[in-house]
Amino acid sequence: MTELEKGPKGRRRGRGARERILSASQQLFREQGINRTGMDQLCAEAQVSKRTAYQHFTGKDELVAEYLRRFDPSVLSGVFDRTDLTPRERLLAAFDIPRATPLCPYIAAVVELHDPQHPASQYARDYKKAVATRLADTAREAGAADPERLGEQLALLIDGAAARTRVLDADAFPTAAAIASALIDNAIPATACDDQRREQASGRIS
């Protein structure tokens, strides 16, 4: 029995039902919002009964939190682990986000919920802090004099670009990347950048 075939307490709940519910929540929450999506519609989309849904989730609040936990964050997480890029290049690669990517689901959820104590709001805060930390860690690798400050600045730029892209229906990430490049250059001594380029060139040659 796989984990997806089990309910919250490990009991069998019907093959694939939990995954179908989560898949439906990803589609409906992104397309029409959390507040406009009711459990009846979710259950219909997932082809499960409400009884089955509540066997997997105690309520909509828990489902929303799990929706955020299951949302694929690979757009950023994959960037931080790339070994073919220098730390400076990894920082800029965080802005190379596909145009089709809608407003960050973490921001969208917090805006809709209006409840800082909601488990989804708490998870969104943790996620955003984690992204800023990863940016700061990479900035430290790049030789930034104040990596925490640079990490926070870049995190703010990413979120701002995501929101502006959604509102204006125009890609704001190239402009954000240009601003990020200037911030990075100001925060990292030229000697550190030169050293990274030499190390990368050496690695490519070898």
N, C-alpha and C. Protein backbone atom coordinates (compact mmCIF):
# COMPACT_ATOMS: atom_id res chain seq x y z
N MET A 1 0.84 -1.19 0.00
CA MET A 1 0.00 0.00 0.00
C MET A 1 0.88 1.25 0.00
N THR A 2 0.66 2.15 -0.96
CA THR A 2 1.45 3.38 -1.00
C THR A 2 0.87 4.40 -0.04
N GLU A 3 1.67 5.46 0.24
CA GLU A 3 1.20 6.50 1.16
C GLU A 3 -0.04 7.20 0.61
N LEU A 4 -0.13 7.30 -0.74
CA LEU A 4 -1.27 8.00 -1.32
C LEU A 4 -2.56 7.21 -1.19
N GLU A 5 -2.47 5.95 -0.82
CA GLU A 5 -3.67 5.13 -0.64
C GLU A 5 -4.13 5.14 0.81
N LYS A 6 -3.46 5.89 1.66
CA LYS A 6 -3.81 5.90 3.07
C LYS A 6 -4.45 7.23 3.46
N GLY A 7 -5.31 7.20 4.45
CA GLY A 7 -5.88 8.41 4.99
C GLY A 7 -4.97 9.00 6.04
N PRO A 8 -5.44 10.04 6.76
CA PRO A 8 -4.62 10.69 7.77
C PRO A 8 -4.10 9.75 8.85
N LYS A 9 -4.83 8.69 9.16
CA LYS A 9 -4.41 7.78 10.23
C LYS A 9 -3.90 6.45 9.67
N GLY A 10 -3.60 6.44 8.39
CA GLY A 10 -3.01 5.25 7.81
C GLY A 10 -4.01 4.22 7.34
N ARG A 11 -5.31 4.53 7.35
CA ARG A 11 -6.31 3.56 6.91
C ARG A 11 -6.53 3.70 5.42
N ARG A 12 -6.84 2.61 4.75
CA ARG A 12 -7.09 2.64 3.31
C ARG A 12 -8.34 3.47 3.03
N ARG A 13 -8.22 4.39 2.03
CA ARG A 13 -9.34 5.29 1.74
C ARG A 13 -9.82 5.22 0.30
N GLY A 14 -9.42 4.25 -0.46
CA GLY A 14 -9.84 4.24 -1.85
C GLY A 14 -8.67 4.69 -2.71
N ARG A 15 -8.30 3.86 -3.63
CA ARG A 15 -7.08 4.06 -4.39
C ARG A 15 -7.08 5.39 -5.14
N GLY A 16 -6.11 6.25 -4.88
CA GLY A 16 -5.92 7.48 -5.64
C GLY A 16 -6.82 8.63 -5.25
N ALA A 17 -7.73 8.45 -4.30
CA ALA A 17 -8.69 9.50 -3.98
C ALA A 17 -7.98 10.75 -3.44
N ARG A 18 -7.05 10.56 -2.52
CA ARG A 18 -6.34 11.71 -1.95
C ARG A 18 -5.59 12.50 -3.02
N GLU A 19 -4.96 11.77 -3.93
CA GLU A 19 -4.21 12.44 -4.99
C GLU A 19 -5.15 13.18 -5.94
N ARG A 20 -6.31 12.62 -6.22
CA ARG A 20 -7.27 13.30 -7.09
C ARG A 20 -7.79 14.57 -6.44
N ILE A 21 -8.01 14.52 -5.14
CA ILE A 21 -8.48 15.72 -4.42
C ILE A 21 -7.42 16.82 -4.49
N LEU A 22 -6.16 16.45 -4.26
CA LEU A 22 -5.09 17.44 -4.31
C LEU A 22 -4.90 17.99 -5.73
N SER A 23 -5.02 17.12 -6.71
CA SER A 23 -4.90 17.55 -8.10
C SER A 23 -6.01 18.53 -8.46
N ALA A 24 -7.23 18.23 -8.01
CA ALA A 24 -8.36 19.14 -8.27
C ALA A 24 -8.16 20.47 -7.56
N SER A 25 -7.62 20.43 -6.34
CA SER A 25 -7.39 21.69 -5.62
C SER A 25 -6.34 22.53 -6.32
N GLN A 26 -5.30 21.92 -6.86
CA GLN A 26 -4.29 22.68 -7.59
C GLN A 26 -4.89 23.39 -8.79
N GLN A 27 -5.75 22.68 -9.49
CA GLN A 27 -6.37 23.28 -10.68
C GLN A 27 -7.36 24.39 -10.30
N LEU A 28 -8.28 24.07 -9.40
CA LEU A 28 -9.36 25.02 -9.10
C LEU A 28 -8.87 26.22 -8.29
N PHE A 29 -8.00 26.00 -7.31
CA PHE A 29 -7.50 27.12 -6.52
C PHE A 29 -6.72 28.09 -7.38
N ARG A 30 -5.94 27.56 -8.32
CA ARG A 30 -5.15 28.43 -9.18
C ARG A 30 -6.03 29.17 -10.19
N GLU A 31 -7.05 28.48 -10.72
CA GLU A 31 -7.86 29.07 -11.79
C GLU A 31 -8.89 30.05 -11.29
N GLN A 32 -9.51 29.75 -10.14
CA GLN A 32 -10.62 30.62 -9.70
C GLN A 32 -10.48 31.11 -8.28
N GLY A 33 -9.42 30.72 -7.59
CA GLY A 33 -9.20 31.21 -6.23
C GLY A 33 -9.69 30.24 -5.18
N ILE A 34 -9.19 30.44 -3.97
CA ILE A 34 -9.53 29.55 -2.85
C ILE A 34 -10.95 29.81 -2.38
N ASN A 35 -11.30 31.08 -2.19
CA ASN A 35 -12.61 31.40 -1.61
C ASN A 35 -13.77 31.04 -2.54
N ARG A 36 -13.54 31.09 -3.83
CA ARG A 36 -14.61 30.79 -4.78
C ARG A 36 -14.76 29.30 -5.04
N THR A 37 -13.87 28.52 -4.49
CA THR A 37 -13.92 27.07 -4.70
C THR A 37 -14.48 26.38 -3.47
N GLY A 38 -15.63 25.76 -3.62
CA GLY A 38 -16.25 25.06 -2.51
C GLY A 38 -15.91 23.58 -2.51
N MET A 39 -16.19 22.93 -1.41
CA MET A 39 -15.89 21.50 -1.29
C MET A 39 -16.74 20.68 -2.25
N ASP A 40 -17.98 21.12 -2.52
CA ASP A 40 -18.82 20.37 -3.46
C ASP A 40 -18.17 20.33 -4.84
N GLN A 41 -17.69 21.49 -5.29
CA GLN A 41 -17.05 21.55 -6.60
C GLN A 41 -15.75 20.74 -6.63
N LEU A 42 -14.98 20.83 -5.55
CA LEU A 42 -13.74 20.06 -5.46
C LEU A 42 -14.01 18.56 -5.55
N CYS A 43 -15.03 18.13 -4.81
CA CYS A 43 -15.36 16.70 -4.80
C CYS A 43 -15.84 16.25 -6.18
N ALA A 44 -16.61 17.10 -6.85
CA ALA A 44 -17.09 16.74 -8.18
C ALA A 44 -15.92 16.63 -9.16
N GLU A 45 -15.00 17.57 -9.08
CA GLU A 45 -13.84 17.56 -9.97
C GLU A 45 -12.96 16.34 -9.70
N ALA A 46 -12.81 15.99 -8.43
CA ALA A 46 -11.96 14.85 -8.04
C ALA A 46 -12.68 13.51 -8.15
N GLN A 47 -13.99 13.57 -8.40
CA GLN A 47 -14.81 12.36 -8.51
C GLN A 47 -14.76 11.52 -7.22
N VAL A 48 -14.97 12.22 -6.10
CA VAL A 48 -15.05 11.55 -4.81
C VAL A 48 -16.26 12.10 -4.07
N SER A 49 -16.74 11.36 -3.09
CA SER A 49 -17.83 11.85 -2.26
C SER A 49 -17.27 12.79 -1.19
N LYS A 50 -18.13 13.62 -0.62
CA LYS A 50 -17.68 14.50 0.46
C LYS A 50 -17.22 13.68 1.66
N ARG A 51 -17.87 12.56 1.87
CA ARG A 51 -17.46 11.68 2.98
C ARG A 51 -16.01 11.23 2.79
N THR A 52 -15.67 10.84 1.55
CA THR A 52 -14.30 10.42 1.27
C THR A 52 -13.33 11.58 1.45
N ALA A 53 -13.72 12.76 0.99
CA ALA A 53 -12.85 13.93 1.12
C ALA A 53 -12.54 14.22 2.58
N TYR A 54 -13.56 14.13 3.43
CA TYR A 54 -13.35 14.43 4.85
C TYR A 54 -12.65 13.29 5.61
N GLN A 55 -12.56 12.14 4.96
CA GLN A 55 -11.73 11.08 5.53
C GLN A 55 -10.24 11.37 5.32
N HIS A 56 -9.94 12.09 4.26
CA HIS A 56 -8.55 12.45 3.95
C HIS A 56 -8.15 13.78 4.58
N PHE A 57 -9.09 14.72 4.66
CA PHE A 57 -8.80 16.06 5.18
C PHE A 57 -9.90 16.44 6.17
N THR A 58 -9.51 17.01 7.29
CA THR A 58 -10.50 17.38 8.32
C THR A 58 -11.40 18.51 7.85
N GLY A 59 -10.95 19.29 6.86
CA GLY A 59 -11.74 20.37 6.34
C GLY A 59 -10.98 21.10 5.25
N LYS A 60 -11.59 22.16 4.73
CA LYS A 60 -10.99 22.90 3.63
C LYS A 60 -9.68 23.56 4.06
N ASP A 61 -9.60 24.02 5.32
CA ASP A 61 -8.38 24.67 5.79
C ASP A 61 -7.18 23.74 5.68
N GLU A 62 -7.36 22.50 6.08
CA GLU A 62 -6.26 21.54 5.99
C GLU A 62 -5.90 21.26 4.53
N LEU A 63 -6.91 21.21 3.67
CA LEU A 63 -6.68 20.96 2.25
C LEU A 63 -5.89 22.11 1.62
N VAL A 64 -6.23 23.34 1.99
CA VAL A 64 -5.51 24.51 1.45
C VAL A 64 -4.05 24.47 1.87
N ALA A 65 -3.79 24.13 3.13
CA ALA A 65 -2.41 24.05 3.62
C ALA A 65 -1.65 22.96 2.88
N GLU A 66 -2.28 21.81 2.66
CA GLU A 66 -1.62 20.72 1.94
C GLU A 66 -1.40 21.09 0.48
N TYR A 67 -2.33 21.83 -0.09
CA TYR A 67 -2.18 22.31 -1.47
C TYR A 67 -0.90 23.13 -1.62
N LEU A 68 -0.62 24.00 -0.66
CA LEU A 68 0.60 24.80 -0.72
C LEU A 68 1.83 23.94 -0.49
N ARG A 69 1.74 22.99 0.43
CA ARG A 69 2.89 22.11 0.69
C ARG A 69 3.23 21.26 -0.53
N ARG A 70 2.18 20.89 -1.30
CA ARG A 70 2.40 20.03 -2.45
C ARG A 70 2.71 20.81 -3.72
N PHE A 71 2.52 22.13 -3.69
CA PHE A 71 2.79 22.90 -4.89
C PHE A 71 4.26 22.79 -5.25
N ASP A 72 4.52 22.59 -6.53
CA ASP A 72 5.89 22.34 -6.97
C ASP A 72 6.71 23.63 -6.96
N PRO A 73 7.71 23.74 -6.08
CA PRO A 73 8.52 24.95 -6.02
C PRO A 73 9.82 24.83 -6.81
N SER A 74 9.86 23.90 -7.77
CA SER A 74 11.13 23.60 -8.44
C SER A 74 11.67 24.75 -9.26
N VAL A 75 10.80 25.74 -9.59
CA VAL A 75 11.28 26.89 -10.35
C VAL A 75 12.46 27.54 -9.63
N LEU A 76 12.39 27.58 -8.29
CA LEU A 76 13.49 28.17 -7.53
C LEU A 76 14.42 27.12 -6.94
N SER A 77 13.89 26.05 -6.39
CA SER A 77 14.74 25.08 -5.69
C SER A 77 15.77 24.45 -6.62
N GLY A 78 15.40 24.21 -7.88
CA GLY A 78 16.35 23.64 -8.82
C GLY A 78 17.50 24.58 -9.12
N VAL A 79 17.24 25.87 -9.09
CA VAL A 79 18.27 26.86 -9.40
C VAL A 79 19.39 26.82 -8.37
N PHE A 80 19.04 26.73 -7.10
CA PHE A 80 20.03 26.81 -6.03
C PHE A 80 21.00 25.63 -6.03
N ASP A 81 20.59 24.52 -6.63
CA ASP A 81 21.41 23.32 -6.59
C ASP A 81 22.24 23.11 -7.86
N ARG A 82 22.18 24.03 -8.79
CA ARG A 82 22.91 23.87 -10.04
C ARG A 82 24.41 24.06 -9.82
N THR A 83 25.17 23.08 -10.28
CA THR A 83 26.63 23.15 -10.11
C THR A 83 27.32 23.72 -11.35
N ASP A 84 26.56 23.90 -12.43
CA ASP A 84 27.17 24.43 -13.65
C ASP A 84 27.20 25.96 -13.67
N LEU A 85 26.65 26.58 -12.63
CA LEU A 85 26.61 28.04 -12.56
C LEU A 85 27.42 28.53 -11.37
N THR A 86 27.98 29.72 -11.50
CA THR A 86 28.63 30.36 -10.36
C THR A 86 27.54 30.82 -9.41
N PRO A 87 27.87 31.12 -8.15
CA PRO A 87 26.85 31.63 -7.23
C PRO A 87 26.13 32.87 -7.77
N ARG A 88 26.88 33.78 -8.39
CA ARG A 88 26.25 34.98 -8.96
C ARG A 88 25.25 34.60 -10.04
N GLU A 89 25.62 33.65 -10.89
CA GLU A 89 24.71 33.22 -11.95
C GLU A 89 23.49 32.52 -11.40
N ARG A 90 23.64 31.81 -10.30
CA ARG A 90 22.48 31.17 -9.67
C ARG A 90 21.51 32.21 -9.13
N LEU A 91 22.04 33.29 -8.59
CA LEU A 91 21.17 34.36 -8.10
C LEU A 91 20.34 34.94 -9.24
N LEU A 92 20.96 35.16 -10.37
CA LEU A 92 20.24 35.72 -11.52
C LEU A 92 19.30 34.70 -12.14
N ALA A 93 19.67 33.42 -12.08
CA ALA A 93 18.82 32.38 -12.66
C ALA A 93 17.49 32.27 -11.91
N ALA A 94 17.45 32.73 -10.67
CA ALA A 94 16.19 32.71 -9.91
C ALA A 94 15.12 33.59 -10.55
N PHE A 95 15.54 34.50 -11.44
CA PHE A 95 14.59 35.39 -12.12
C PHE A 95 14.18 34.87 -13.48
N ASP A 96 14.73 33.74 -13.87
CA ASP A 96 14.40 33.14 -15.17
C ASP A 96 13.18 32.26 -15.01
N ILE A 97 12.04 32.90 -14.80
CA ILE A 97 10.78 32.20 -14.51
C ILE A 97 9.90 32.24 -15.76
N PRO A 98 9.31 31.10 -16.17
CA PRO A 98 8.49 31.07 -17.38
C PRO A 98 7.37 32.10 -17.34
N ARG A 99 7.12 32.71 -18.48
CA ARG A 99 6.08 33.75 -18.59
C ARG A 99 4.72 33.21 -18.18
N ALA A 100 4.49 31.92 -18.42
CA ALA A 100 3.17 31.34 -18.14
C ALA A 100 2.93 31.14 -16.65
N THR A 101 3.98 31.28 -15.83
CA THR A 101 3.80 31.06 -14.39
C THR A 101 2.93 32.16 -13.81
N PRO A 102 1.78 31.83 -13.19
CA PRO A 102 0.91 32.85 -12.63
C PRO A 102 1.45 33.40 -11.32
N LEU A 103 0.67 34.25 -10.70
CA LEU A 103 1.05 34.82 -9.41
C LEU A 103 1.40 33.71 -8.43
N CYS A 104 2.46 33.93 -7.67
CA CYS A 104 2.91 32.96 -6.68
C CYS A 104 1.72 32.47 -5.84
N PRO A 105 1.51 31.16 -5.74
CA PRO A 105 0.35 30.64 -5.00
C PRO A 105 0.41 30.98 -3.52
N TYR A 106 1.61 31.17 -2.97
CA TYR A 106 1.74 31.51 -1.56
C TYR A 106 1.22 32.92 -1.30
N ILE A 107 1.58 33.84 -2.18
CA ILE A 107 1.06 35.22 -2.06
C ILE A 107 -0.44 35.22 -2.25
N ALA A 108 -0.90 34.53 -3.31
CA ALA A 108 -2.33 34.51 -3.60
C ALA A 108 -3.14 33.96 -2.43
N ALA A 109 -2.64 32.91 -1.79
CA ALA A 109 -3.36 32.29 -0.67
C ALA A 109 -3.47 33.25 0.51
N VAL A 110 -2.38 33.91 0.85
CA VAL A 110 -2.39 34.83 1.99
C VAL A 110 -3.32 36.01 1.73
N VAL A 111 -3.32 36.53 0.49
CA VAL A 111 -4.20 37.65 0.15
C VAL A 111 -5.66 37.24 0.29
N GLU A 112 -5.99 36.04 -0.15
CA GLU A 112 -7.37 35.59 -0.09
C GLU A 112 -7.84 35.25 1.32
N LEU A 113 -6.97 34.67 2.11
CA LEU A 113 -7.39 34.12 3.40
C LEU A 113 -7.61 35.19 4.47
N HIS A 114 -6.83 36.26 4.45
CA HIS A 114 -6.97 37.34 5.44
C HIS A 114 -6.87 36.83 6.88
N ASP A 115 -6.13 35.77 7.08
CA ASP A 115 -6.03 35.20 8.42
C ASP A 115 -4.58 34.78 8.68
N PRO A 116 -3.83 35.57 9.43
CA PRO A 116 -2.41 35.24 9.67
C PRO A 116 -2.22 33.94 10.45
N GLN A 117 -3.26 33.47 11.13
CA GLN A 117 -3.16 32.24 11.91
C GLN A 117 -3.56 31.00 11.13
N HIS A 118 -4.07 31.19 9.93
CA HIS A 118 -4.47 30.05 9.10
C HIS A 118 -3.23 29.21 8.82
N PRO A 119 -3.34 27.88 8.87
CA PRO A 119 -2.15 27.03 8.63
C PRO A 119 -1.50 27.30 7.27
N ALA A 120 -2.30 27.66 6.27
CA ALA A 120 -1.73 27.97 4.96
C ALA A 120 -0.93 29.27 5.00
N SER A 121 -1.42 30.25 5.76
CA SER A 121 -0.69 31.52 5.90
C SER A 121 0.64 31.29 6.62
N GLN A 122 0.62 30.47 7.63
CA GLN A 122 1.84 30.15 8.36
C GLN A 122 2.84 29.42 7.46
N TYR A 123 2.33 28.49 6.64
CA TYR A 123 3.22 27.78 5.75
C TYR A 123 3.81 28.72 4.70
N ALA A 124 2.98 29.65 4.19
CA ALA A 124 3.46 30.61 3.19
C ALA A 124 4.58 31.47 3.77
N ARG A 125 4.43 31.89 5.02
CA ARG A 125 5.49 32.69 5.65
C ARG A 125 6.78 31.89 5.76
N ASP A 126 6.65 30.63 6.17
CA ASP A 126 7.84 29.78 6.31
C ASP A 126 8.52 29.60 4.95
N TYR A 127 7.71 29.41 3.92
CA TYR A 127 8.28 29.21 2.58
C TYR A 127 9.02 30.45 2.10
N LYS A 128 8.40 31.61 2.28
CA LYS A 128 9.03 32.85 1.83
C LYS A 128 10.33 33.12 2.58
N LYS A 129 10.34 32.84 3.86
CA LYS A 129 11.57 33.00 4.64
C LYS A 129 12.65 32.04 4.15
N ALA A 130 12.23 30.82 3.80
CA ALA A 130 13.18 29.83 3.32
C ALA A 130 13.80 30.25 2.00
N VAL A 131 13.00 30.84 1.11
CA VAL A 131 13.53 31.31 -0.17
C VAL A 131 14.55 32.42 0.06
N ALA A 132 14.23 33.37 0.94
CA ALA A 132 15.16 34.46 1.24
C ALA A 132 16.45 33.92 1.84
N THR A 133 16.33 32.89 2.67
CA THR A 133 17.51 32.27 3.27
C THR A 133 18.38 31.61 2.21
N ARG A 134 17.75 30.90 1.27
CA ARG A 134 18.53 30.27 0.19
C ARG A 134 19.23 31.32 -0.66
N LEU A 135 18.55 32.41 -0.93
CA LEU A 135 19.17 33.50 -1.69
C LEU A 135 20.35 34.09 -0.92
N ALA A 136 20.16 34.27 0.39
CA ALA A 136 21.23 34.82 1.22
C ALA A 136 22.43 33.87 1.27
N ASP A 137 22.16 32.57 1.38
CA ASP A 137 23.24 31.59 1.40
C ASP A 137 24.04 31.63 0.09
N THR A 138 23.31 31.77 -1.02
CA THR A 138 23.98 31.84 -2.31
C THR A 138 24.75 33.15 -2.45
N ALA A 139 24.18 34.23 -1.92
CA ALA A 139 24.88 35.52 -1.94
C ALA A 139 26.16 35.45 -1.12
N ARG A 140 26.11 34.70 -0.03
CA ARG A 140 27.31 34.52 0.80
C ARG A 140 28.38 33.75 0.02
N GLU A 141 27.95 32.72 -0.72
CA GLU A 141 28.89 31.98 -1.56
C GLU A 141 29.52 32.90 -2.61
N ALA A 142 28.73 33.84 -3.09
CA ALA A 142 29.21 34.75 -4.14
C ALA A 142 30.14 35.82 -3.59
N GLY A 143 30.22 35.95 -2.26
CA GLY A 143 31.12 36.92 -1.66
C GLY A 143 30.47 38.24 -1.30
N ALA A 144 29.14 38.26 -1.17
CA ALA A 144 28.46 39.51 -0.82
C ALA A 144 28.87 39.98 0.57
N ALA A 145 29.04 41.29 0.70
CA ALA A 145 29.44 41.86 1.99
C ALA A 145 28.34 41.70 3.03
N ASP A 146 27.08 41.81 2.60
CA ASP A 146 25.93 41.66 3.50
C ASP A 146 24.94 40.71 2.83
N PRO A 147 25.18 39.41 2.90
CA PRO A 147 24.35 38.44 2.17
C PRO A 147 22.89 38.42 2.59
N GLU A 148 22.61 38.62 3.89
CA GLU A 148 21.21 38.62 4.34
C GLU A 148 20.43 39.76 3.69
N ARG A 149 21.06 40.92 3.63
CA ARG A 149 20.38 42.06 3.01
C ARG A 149 20.14 41.82 1.53
N LEU A 150 21.16 41.31 0.83
CA LEU A 150 21.01 41.04 -0.60
C LEU A 150 19.95 39.96 -0.82
N GLY A 151 19.94 38.92 0.01
CA GLY A 151 18.94 37.87 -0.14
C GLY A 151 17.53 38.40 0.02
N GLU A 152 17.33 39.29 0.99
CA GLU A 152 16.01 39.88 1.20
C GLU A 152 15.62 40.79 0.04
N GLN A 153 16.57 41.54 -0.49
CA GLN A 153 16.29 42.41 -1.63
C GLN A 153 15.88 41.60 -2.85
N LEU A 154 16.58 40.51 -3.12
CA LEU A 154 16.27 39.69 -4.28
C LEU A 154 14.93 38.96 -4.11
N ALA A 155 14.64 38.52 -2.88
CA ALA A 155 13.35 37.88 -2.61
C ALA A 155 12.21 38.87 -2.86
N LEU A 156 12.41 40.10 -2.44
CA LEU A 156 11.39 41.14 -2.66
C LEU A 156 11.19 41.40 -4.15
N LEU A 157 12.28 41.42 -4.90
CA LEU A 157 12.18 41.63 -6.35
C LEU A 157 11.40 40.50 -7.03
N ILE A 158 11.67 39.26 -6.62
CA ILE A 158 10.98 38.12 -7.22
C ILE A 158 9.47 38.20 -6.96
N ASP A 159 9.11 38.49 -5.72
CA ASP A 159 7.68 38.59 -5.38
C ASP A 159 7.03 39.76 -6.10
N GLY A 160 7.74 40.88 -6.17
CA GLY A 160 7.19 42.06 -6.86
C GLY A 160 6.99 41.80 -8.34
N ALA A 161 7.94 41.11 -8.95
CA ALA A 161 7.82 40.80 -10.37
C ALA A 161 6.66 39.85 -10.63
N ALA A 162 6.46 38.89 -9.72
CA ALA A 162 5.35 37.94 -9.87
C ALA A 162 4.01 38.67 -9.81
N ALA A 163 3.87 39.58 -8.84
CA ALA A 163 2.62 40.32 -8.69
C ALA A 163 2.39 41.25 -9.87
N ARG A 164 3.43 41.96 -10.31
CA ARG A 164 3.28 42.91 -11.42
C ARG A 164 2.98 42.18 -12.73
N THR A 165 3.58 41.01 -12.92
CA THR A 165 3.29 40.21 -14.11
C THR A 165 1.82 39.83 -14.15
N ARG A 166 1.28 39.46 -13.01
CA ARG A 166 -0.13 39.06 -12.94
C ARG A 166 -1.06 40.25 -13.18
N VAL A 167 -0.78 41.39 -12.57
CA VAL A 167 -1.66 42.54 -12.68
C VAL A 167 -1.66 43.13 -14.09
N LEU A 168 -0.48 43.27 -14.67
CA LEU A 168 -0.35 43.92 -15.98
C LEU A 168 -0.42 42.94 -17.13
N ASP A 169 -0.41 41.64 -16.84
CA ASP A 169 -0.38 40.62 -17.89
C ASP A 169 0.78 40.87 -18.84
N ALA A 170 1.94 41.21 -18.27
CA ALA A 170 3.15 41.45 -19.04
C ALA A 170 4.33 40.98 -18.19
N ASP A 171 5.32 40.39 -18.84
CA ASP A 171 6.44 39.78 -18.13
C ASP A 171 7.33 40.84 -17.48
N ALA A 172 7.32 40.88 -16.16
CA ALA A 172 8.13 41.86 -15.43
C ALA A 172 9.47 41.29 -14.99
N PHE A 173 9.72 40.01 -15.22
CA PHE A 173 10.94 39.38 -14.71
C PHE A 173 12.22 39.86 -15.40
N PRO A 174 12.23 40.15 -16.71
CA PRO A 174 13.45 40.69 -17.30
C PRO A 174 13.89 42.01 -16.66
N THR A 175 12.94 42.89 -16.37
CA THR A 175 13.28 44.14 -15.70
C THR A 175 13.78 43.88 -14.29
N ALA A 176 13.12 42.96 -13.58
CA ALA A 176 13.55 42.61 -12.22
C ALA A 176 14.96 42.01 -12.26
N ALA A 177 15.26 41.21 -13.27
CA ALA A 177 16.59 40.61 -13.39
C ALA A 177 17.66 41.67 -13.60
N ALA A 178 17.34 42.71 -14.38
CA ALA A 178 18.29 43.80 -14.61
C ALA A 178 18.57 44.55 -13.30
N ILE A 179 17.53 44.78 -12.53
CA ILE A 179 17.70 45.44 -11.23
C ILE A 179 18.52 44.55 -10.31
N ALA A 180 18.21 43.24 -10.33
CA ALA A 180 18.94 42.29 -9.49
C ALA A 180 20.43 42.29 -9.85
N SER A 181 20.71 42.34 -11.13
CA SER A 181 22.11 42.34 -11.57
C SER A 181 22.87 43.53 -11.00
N ALA A 182 22.22 44.70 -11.01
CA ALA A 182 22.87 45.90 -10.45
C ALA A 182 23.07 45.76 -8.95
N LEU A 183 22.05 45.22 -8.25
CA LEU A 183 22.17 45.02 -6.81
C LEU A 183 23.30 44.05 -6.48
N ILE A 184 23.39 42.98 -7.25
CA ILE A 184 24.42 41.98 -7.01
C ILE A 184 25.81 42.57 -7.24
N ASP A 185 25.95 43.31 -8.34
CA ASP A 185 27.25 43.91 -8.64
C ASP A 185 27.68 44.89 -7.55
N ASN A 186 26.73 45.60 -6.99
CA ASN A 186 27.05 46.55 -5.92
C ASN A 186 27.38 45.84 -4.61
N ALA A 187 26.81 44.64 -4.43
CA ALA A 187 26.98 43.93 -3.16
C ALA A 187 28.20 43.01 -3.13
N ILE A 188 28.67 42.63 -4.32
CA ILE A 188 29.78 41.68 -4.41
C ILE A 188 31.02 42.38 -4.95
N PRO A 189 32.12 42.31 -4.24
CA PRO A 189 33.36 42.93 -4.72
C PRO A 189 33.77 42.37 -6.08
N ALA A 190 34.33 43.22 -6.91
CA ALA A 190 34.72 42.79 -8.26
C ALA A 190 35.69 41.63 -8.23
N THR A 191 36.57 41.60 -7.24
CA THR A 191 37.54 40.51 -7.16
C THR A 191 36.86 39.16 -6.96
N ALA A 192 35.77 39.15 -6.18
CA ALA A 192 35.04 37.90 -5.95
C ALA A 192 34.41 37.40 -7.25
N CYS A 193 33.85 38.33 -8.03
CA CYS A 193 33.25 37.95 -9.31
C CYS A 193 34.30 37.40 -10.26
N ASP A 194 35.47 38.05 -10.27
CA ASP A 194 36.56 37.58 -11.15
C ASP A 194 37.01 36.18 -10.75
N ASP A 195 37.12 35.93 -9.45
CA ASP A 195 37.53 34.62 -8.97
C ASP A 195 36.53 33.54 -9.39
N GLN A 196 35.23 33.86 -9.30
CA GLN A 196 34.20 32.89 -9.68
C GLN A 196 34.27 32.58 -11.17
N ARG A 197 34.50 33.60 -11.98
CA ARG A 197 34.59 33.38 -13.42
C ARG A 197 35.79 32.49 -13.75
N ARG A 198 36.92 32.73 -13.07
CA ARG A 198 38.11 31.93 -13.32
C ARG A 198 37.88 30.47 -12.90
N GLU A 199 37.22 30.29 -11.74
CA GLU A 199 36.94 28.93 -11.28
C GLU A 199 36.02 28.20 -12.24
N GLN A 200 35.00 28.91 -12.73
CA GLN A 200 34.06 28.29 -13.64
C GLN A 200 34.75 27.94 -14.97
N ALA A 201 35.58 28.86 -15.48
CA ALA A 201 36.31 28.61 -16.72
C ALA A 201 37.23 27.41 -16.57
N SER A 202 37.88 27.31 -15.41
CA SER A 202 38.77 26.20 -15.14
C SER A 202 38.02 24.88 -15.14
N GLY A 203 36.83 24.91 -14.52
CA GLY A 203 36.02 23.69 -14.47
C GLY A 203 35.55 23.26 -15.83
N ARG A 204 35.21 24.21 -16.70
CA ARG A 204 34.74 23.87 -18.04
C ARG A 204 35.89 23.29 -18.87
N ILE A 205 37.09 23.85 -18.67
CA ILE A 205 38.23 23.36 -19.44
C ILE A 205 38.58 21.94 -19.05
N SER A 206 38.55 21.68 -17.73
CA SER A 206 38.88 20.35 -17.25
C SER A 206 37.79 19.34 -17.59
